[in-house]
Amino acid sequence: MKSLFIGEQIALTLWVGGMWIIGYVVAPLLFRSLDDRMLAGNLAGQLFAIMSYLGLVCALLLLSGQLASLGGEALRAWRFWLLLAMLAVLLVGQFVLQPMMAELKAAGLDGENATRFGRLHGVASVLFLFNSLAGLALVVAGLRPTEA
């Protein structure tokens, strides 16, 4: 079971570390460095999409690891439910909000479309913040309760 736990630690590190680097370092750097905001947004969007798919794989591995190691006890563990909430947020962001935002961009970001895009982007940003802070909580607390 130790190798399962090490695999979980790696998956959590990849997911949470990737979120923090892309969301709080790379994306802001793109917008500061590139004169073309549309290009910066497209590049950031591609990076966030890659992170979403990596997060999806990591979340499934982490949830499976929790169930494999804790069995039915996982359903009583806050870590399991936080991982499940993070997965749900990721799914909403990638498969609900992102397609809606892409549709608005394709129609042209002027007038009402720009307003709607801004609102959706705001919601996506709040969801991303939730996931990055929830992931940080898991990194700090660990994936398993500590033995007293």
Protein backbone atom coordinates (compact mmCIF):
# COMPACT_ATOMS: atom_id res chain seq x y z
CA MET A 1 0.00 0.00 0.00
CA LYS A 2 2.98 2.33 0.44
CA SER A 3 3.47 2.52 -3.33
CA LEU A 4 -0.20 3.46 -3.74
CA PHE A 5 0.28 6.29 -1.26
CA ILE A 6 3.43 7.52 -3.05
CA GLY A 7 1.49 7.48 -6.33
CA GLU A 8 -1.25 9.52 -4.68
CA GLN A 9 1.29 12.04 -3.42
CA ILE A 10 2.71 12.39 -6.93
CA ALA A 11 -0.78 12.82 -8.45
CA LEU A 12 -1.70 15.45 -5.85
CA THR A 13 1.58 17.29 -6.44
CA LEU A 14 1.09 17.30 -10.22
CA TRP A 15 -2.51 18.48 -10.00
CA VAL A 16 -2.21 21.13 -7.31
CA GLY A 17 1.27 22.30 -8.31
CA GLY A 18 0.17 22.55 -11.94
CA MET A 19 -2.90 24.57 -10.99
CA TRP A 20 -0.84 27.03 -8.97
CA ILE A 21 1.88 27.42 -11.60
CA ILE A 22 -0.50 27.82 -14.56
CA GLY A 23 -3.09 29.92 -12.76
CA TYR A 24 -0.94 32.21 -10.68
CA VAL A 25 2.37 32.37 -12.58
CA VAL A 26 2.07 31.46 -16.26
CA ALA A 27 -1.34 32.96 -17.15
CA PRO A 28 -0.61 36.36 -15.56
CA LEU A 29 2.82 36.34 -17.23
CA LEU A 30 1.22 35.74 -20.63
CA PHE A 31 -1.07 38.73 -20.20
CA ARG A 32 1.81 40.94 -19.01
CA SER A 33 4.22 39.82 -21.73
CA LEU A 34 2.07 39.63 -24.84
CA ASP A 35 0.60 42.72 -26.46
CA ASP A 36 -2.17 40.65 -28.05
CA ARG A 37 -4.65 39.90 -25.24
CA MET A 38 -6.59 37.49 -27.48
CA LEU A 39 -3.42 35.45 -28.07
CA ALA A 40 -2.60 35.52 -24.36
CA GLY A 41 -6.14 34.38 -23.56
CA ASN A 42 -6.03 31.59 -26.14
CA LEU A 43 -2.68 30.32 -24.82
CA ALA A 44 -3.88 30.52 -21.22
CA GLY A 45 -7.08 28.71 -22.20
CA GLN A 46 -5.09 25.90 -23.78
CA LEU A 47 -2.93 25.59 -20.67
CA PHE A 48 -5.98 25.54 -18.40
CA ALA A 49 -7.56 22.85 -20.61
CA ILE A 50 -4.42 20.69 -20.34
CA MET A 51 -4.46 21.18 -16.56
CA SER A 52 -8.14 20.23 -16.44
CA TYR A 53 -7.50 16.93 -18.18
CA LEU A 54 -4.48 16.25 -15.98
CA GLY A 55 -6.63 17.16 -12.97
CA LEU A 56 -9.36 14.80 -14.13
CA VAL A 57 -6.91 11.89 -14.27
CA CYS A 58 -5.34 12.86 -10.93
CA ALA A 59 -8.72 13.27 -9.23
CA LEU A 60 -9.85 9.84 -10.37
CA LEU A 61 -6.58 8.29 -9.20
CA LEU A 62 -6.80 10.06 -5.84
CA LEU A 63 -10.43 9.11 -5.26
CA SER A 64 -9.67 5.51 -6.24
CA GLY A 65 -6.70 5.52 -3.88
CA GLN A 66 -8.86 6.78 -1.04
CA LEU A 67 -11.42 4.05 -1.67
CA ALA A 68 -8.75 1.35 -2.07
CA SER A 69 -6.95 2.24 1.14
CA LEU A 70 -9.86 3.27 3.34
CA GLY A 71 -12.73 1.26 1.88
CA GLY A 72 -16.11 2.43 3.14
CA GLU A 73 -14.37 4.65 5.70
CA ALA A 74 -13.43 6.94 2.80
CA LEU A 75 -17.05 8.06 2.65
CA ARG A 76 -16.68 9.48 6.16
CA ALA A 77 -13.39 11.26 5.44
CA TRP A 78 -13.38 14.98 4.63
CA ARG A 79 -10.44 14.44 2.26
CA PHE A 80 -12.55 12.15 0.06
CA TRP A 81 -15.40 14.67 -0.12
CA LEU A 82 -13.04 17.55 -0.79
CA LEU A 83 -11.49 15.60 -3.67
CA LEU A 84 -14.97 14.85 -4.98
CA ALA A 85 -15.91 18.54 -4.76
CA MET A 86 -12.71 19.48 -6.59
CA LEU A 87 -13.55 16.99 -9.33
CA ALA A 88 -17.07 18.41 -9.65
CA VAL A 89 -15.70 21.95 -9.88
CA LEU A 90 -13.19 20.86 -12.51
CA LEU A 91 -15.93 19.18 -14.57
CA VAL A 92 -18.19 22.23 -14.42
CA GLY A 93 -15.34 24.51 -15.41
CA GLN A 94 -14.08 22.42 -18.30
CA PHE A 95 -17.28 20.97 -19.72
CA VAL A 96 -19.87 23.67 -18.92
CA LEU A 97 -18.21 27.07 -18.54
CA GLN A 98 -15.40 26.70 -21.08
CA PRO A 99 -17.68 25.67 -23.98
CA MET A 100 -20.00 28.58 -23.17
CA MET A 101 -17.06 30.99 -23.15
CA ALA A 102 -15.70 29.55 -26.42
CA GLU A 103 -19.10 30.05 -28.04
CA LEU A 104 -19.18 33.68 -26.95
CA LYS A 105 -15.63 34.25 -28.24
CA ALA A 106 -16.55 32.69 -31.59
CA ALA A 107 -19.57 35.01 -31.85
CA GLY A 108 -17.40 38.04 -31.10
CA LEU A 109 -16.68 39.68 -27.78
CA ASP A 110 -18.57 42.91 -28.11
CA GLY A 111 -21.59 44.33 -26.34
CA GLU A 112 -23.66 41.77 -24.46
CA ASN A 113 -21.31 38.91 -25.43
CA ALA A 114 -18.42 40.70 -23.72
CA THR A 115 -20.52 41.18 -20.59
CA ARG A 116 -21.61 37.53 -20.53
CA PHE A 117 -18.04 36.38 -21.20
CA GLY A 118 -16.80 38.52 -18.30
CA ARG A 119 -19.38 37.01 -15.94
CA LEU A 120 -18.54 33.46 -16.99
CA HIS A 121 -14.83 34.20 -16.67
CA GLY A 122 -15.50 35.54 -13.16
CA VAL A 123 -17.35 32.37 -12.18
CA ALA A 124 -14.56 30.23 -13.66
CA SER A 125 -11.98 32.26 -11.71
CA VAL A 126 -13.84 31.74 -8.42
CA LEU A 127 -14.11 28.00 -9.10
CA PHE A 128 -10.38 27.88 -9.92
CA LEU A 129 -9.61 29.72 -6.68
CA PHE A 130 -11.72 27.22 -4.74
CA ASN A 131 -9.88 24.29 -6.31
CA SER A 132 -6.44 25.79 -5.79
CA LEU A 133 -7.18 26.50 -2.10
CA ALA A 134 -8.84 23.09 -1.59
CA GLY A 135 -5.82 21.45 -3.18
CA LEU A 136 -3.52 23.44 -0.92
CA ALA A 137 -5.52 22.20 2.09
CA LEU A 138 -4.94 18.62 0.94
CA VAL A 139 -1.23 19.24 0.45
CA VAL A 140 -0.90 20.78 3.92
CA ALA A 141 -3.09 18.21 5.73
CA GLY A 142 -1.89 15.22 3.74
CA LEU A 143 -3.97 12.56 2.04
CA ARG A 144 -4.21 10.41 5.15
CA PRO A 145 -4.98 11.26 8.75
CA THR A 146 -1.85 11.26 10.87
CA GLU A 147 -1.48 8.63 13.55
CA ALA A 148 -1.61 10.03 17.06
